[in-house]
Every structure is written in structure tokens, then in C-alpha cells.
Amino acid sequence: VQLQASGGGSVQAGGSLRLSCAARRMIWSTFTASRRGWYRQAPEKQRELVAELTSDGMTNYQDSVKGRFTISKDNSKKTVYLQMNSLEPEDTAVYYCNVEYGSRNYWGQGTLVTVSS
């Protein structure tokens, strides 16, 4: 299984980006039954959960991104997205996608998001 993340880049504060994470070589039924999440790690900080989408469709967000970020999925493409609006310099980090199924935990390679003021 490989998680291929894309969509990072450099934007000015107030801008938007959409991150994508495609699950390669994952069985469709496994993807749909898994918990999917986006994490981020800023320089000299610990990795933190930004948003998650459970297998039954529940979403949870870190307080700092509520109302600005939206996690979603396209099961037919086995892809999870993170739409990020009203970006702030504090959102600057490497973003990682994560798919968790039972005891199996998969991580994408990380995509850098840089927000300038």
C-alpha cells in the first residue's frame, strides 16, 4: 500500500489549497472501511492531527482549523482530500495523510504547505 499525497505549495495568507491523498494498491473495501486523517508537522513541533474522517462518515477537526478546513473522500478514487481555506501563516507545515485500518497504519510522504503573511 502506498499513500501518494499532493497539492502542497506556497500561498499568501487568506489563500486556499487542496491536498489530495490517493491510496495505491489498497483494496477498495479496505479504504472505505478505514479511518482517514490529515496530520501536520511544523518545524520543531510535534506532528498533530488536523482532521479525520471515520469509516462511518464522522469528521473531527483541530480547533484551530474548524470552519476553514474540510476533509472529504472519493471512494471511487480511493482518495482523501483536505480543502484548506483562509490559510494563515500558522498553518505552515508538512502535511501528512494517514489511513488506519485495524492494526494497519499507513502514511503518505508529506507535502509542504507554506503560507506567507
Protein backbone atom coordinates (compact mmCIF):
# COMPACT_ATOMS: atom_id res chain seq x y z
CA VAL A 1 0.00 0.00 0.00
CA GLN A 2 1.24 3.47 -0.87
CA LEU A 3 -0.34 6.79 0.00
CA GLN A 4 0.55 9.43 -2.56
CA ALA A 5 -0.01 12.97 -1.31
CA SER A 6 -0.05 16.06 -3.48
CA GLY A 7 -1.34 19.61 -3.60
CA GLY A 8 1.02 21.45 -1.30
CA GLY A 9 2.59 24.73 -2.25
CA SER A 10 3.14 28.35 -1.28
CA VAL A 11 0.28 30.77 -0.84
CA GLN A 12 -0.34 34.11 0.78
CA ALA A 13 -2.43 34.42 3.90
CA GLY A 14 -6.09 34.17 3.07
CA GLY A 15 -5.47 31.84 0.16
CA SER A 16 -6.61 28.28 -0.42
CA LEU A 17 -5.09 24.92 -1.23
CA ARG A 18 -6.50 21.45 -1.68
CA LEU A 19 -4.45 18.47 -0.66
CA SER A 20 -5.08 15.05 -2.14
CA CYS A 21 -4.01 11.63 -0.95
CA ALA A 22 -4.50 8.62 -3.17
CA ALA A 23 -4.28 5.13 -1.74
CA ARG A 24 -2.40 2.98 -4.24
CA ARG A 25 -2.71 -0.79 -4.18
CA MET A 26 -5.30 -0.69 -1.40
CA ILE A 27 -8.39 -2.81 -1.73
CA TRP A 28 -11.47 -0.63 -2.18
CA SER A 29 -13.31 -2.26 0.71
CA THR A 30 -10.36 -1.60 3.00
CA PHE A 31 -10.25 2.06 2.03
CA THR A 32 -13.95 2.57 2.62
CA ALA A 33 -13.80 0.86 6.00
CA SER A 34 -10.77 2.75 7.23
CA ARG A 35 -10.25 5.87 9.25
CA ARG A 36 -8.60 8.62 7.19
CA GLY A 37 -6.77 11.61 8.55
CA TRP A 38 -4.55 14.54 7.81
CA TYR A 39 -1.75 15.49 10.17
CA ARG A 40 0.81 18.25 10.04
CA GLN A 41 4.20 18.94 11.50
CA ALA A 42 5.63 22.41 11.74
CA PRO A 43 9.36 23.00 12.26
CA GLU A 44 10.46 21.99 15.75
CA LYS A 45 6.96 20.89 16.67
CA GLN A 46 5.32 17.52 17.10
CA ARG A 47 3.08 16.05 14.48
CA GLU A 48 -0.54 16.88 15.21
CA LEU A 49 -3.91 15.77 13.94
CA VAL A 50 -5.60 18.33 11.72
CA ALA A 51 -8.70 16.48 10.56
CA GLU A 52 -10.05 12.97 10.47
CA LEU A 53 -12.83 11.16 8.68
CA THR A 54 -14.02 7.97 10.28
CA SER A 55 -15.29 4.93 8.44
CA ASP A 56 -18.88 5.85 9.32
CA GLY A 57 -18.50 9.36 7.95
CA MET A 58 -17.89 11.34 11.11
CA THR A 59 -15.46 14.23 10.88
CA ASN A 60 -13.32 15.81 13.56
CA TYR A 61 -11.13 18.87 13.30
CA GLN A 62 -8.47 20.54 15.33
CA ASP A 63 -9.97 23.66 16.88
CA SER A 64 -7.61 25.98 15.02
CA VAL A 65 -8.86 24.83 11.60
CA LYS A 66 -12.57 24.48 12.27
CA GLY A 67 -14.57 26.43 9.75
CA ARG A 68 -11.58 26.77 7.43
CA PHE A 69 -10.56 23.20 6.53
CA THR A 70 -12.75 20.42 5.18
CA ILE A 71 -11.82 16.75 4.91
CA SER A 72 -13.60 14.65 2.33
CA LYS A 73 -13.19 11.48 0.32
CA ASP A 74 -13.91 9.95 -3.01
CA ASN A 75 -14.25 6.22 -2.50
CA SER A 76 -14.31 5.52 -6.22
CA LYS A 77 -10.84 7.02 -6.47
CA LYS A 78 -9.68 5.81 -3.05
CA THR A 79 -8.64 9.38 -2.38
CA VAL A 80 -8.99 11.64 0.64
CA TYR A 81 -8.86 15.42 0.36
CA LEU A 82 -8.20 18.36 2.62
CA GLN A 83 -9.63 21.63 1.40
CA MET A 84 -7.88 24.47 3.18
CA ASN A 85 -9.35 27.96 3.01
CA SER A 86 -8.43 31.22 4.72
CA LEU A 87 -4.92 29.93 5.25
CA GLU A 88 -2.82 31.55 7.94
CA PRO A 89 0.96 31.65 8.42
CA GLU A 90 0.44 29.35 11.42
CA ASP A 91 -0.77 26.67 9.00
CA THR A 92 2.72 26.38 7.54
CA ALA A 93 3.84 22.78 7.95
CA VAL A 94 4.43 19.50 6.22
CA TYR A 95 1.08 17.78 5.86
CA TYR A 96 0.78 14.00 6.02
CA CYS A 97 -2.14 11.83 5.12
CA ASN A 98 -2.90 8.75 7.16
CA VAL A 99 -5.10 5.72 6.62
CA GLU A 100 -5.75 3.43 9.53
CA TYR A 101 -7.45 0.05 9.24
CA GLY A 102 -7.42 -2.22 12.26
CA SER A 103 -3.81 -2.63 13.29
CA ARG A 104 -2.54 -1.34 9.96
CA ASN A 105 -1.44 2.27 9.77
CA TYR A 106 -0.27 3.87 6.54
CA TRP A 107 1.36 7.26 6.00
CA GLY A 108 1.88 9.40 2.94
CA GLN A 109 5.20 11.02 2.17
CA GLY A 110 4.22 14.51 3.26
CA THR A 111 3.54 17.64 1.27
CA LEU A 112 4.78 21.08 2.25
CA VAL A 113 2.38 23.96 2.75
CA THR A 114 3.88 27.42 3.18
CA VAL A 115 1.69 30.40 4.00
CA SER A 116 3.24 33.84 3.86
CA SER A 117 1.86 36.91 5.57
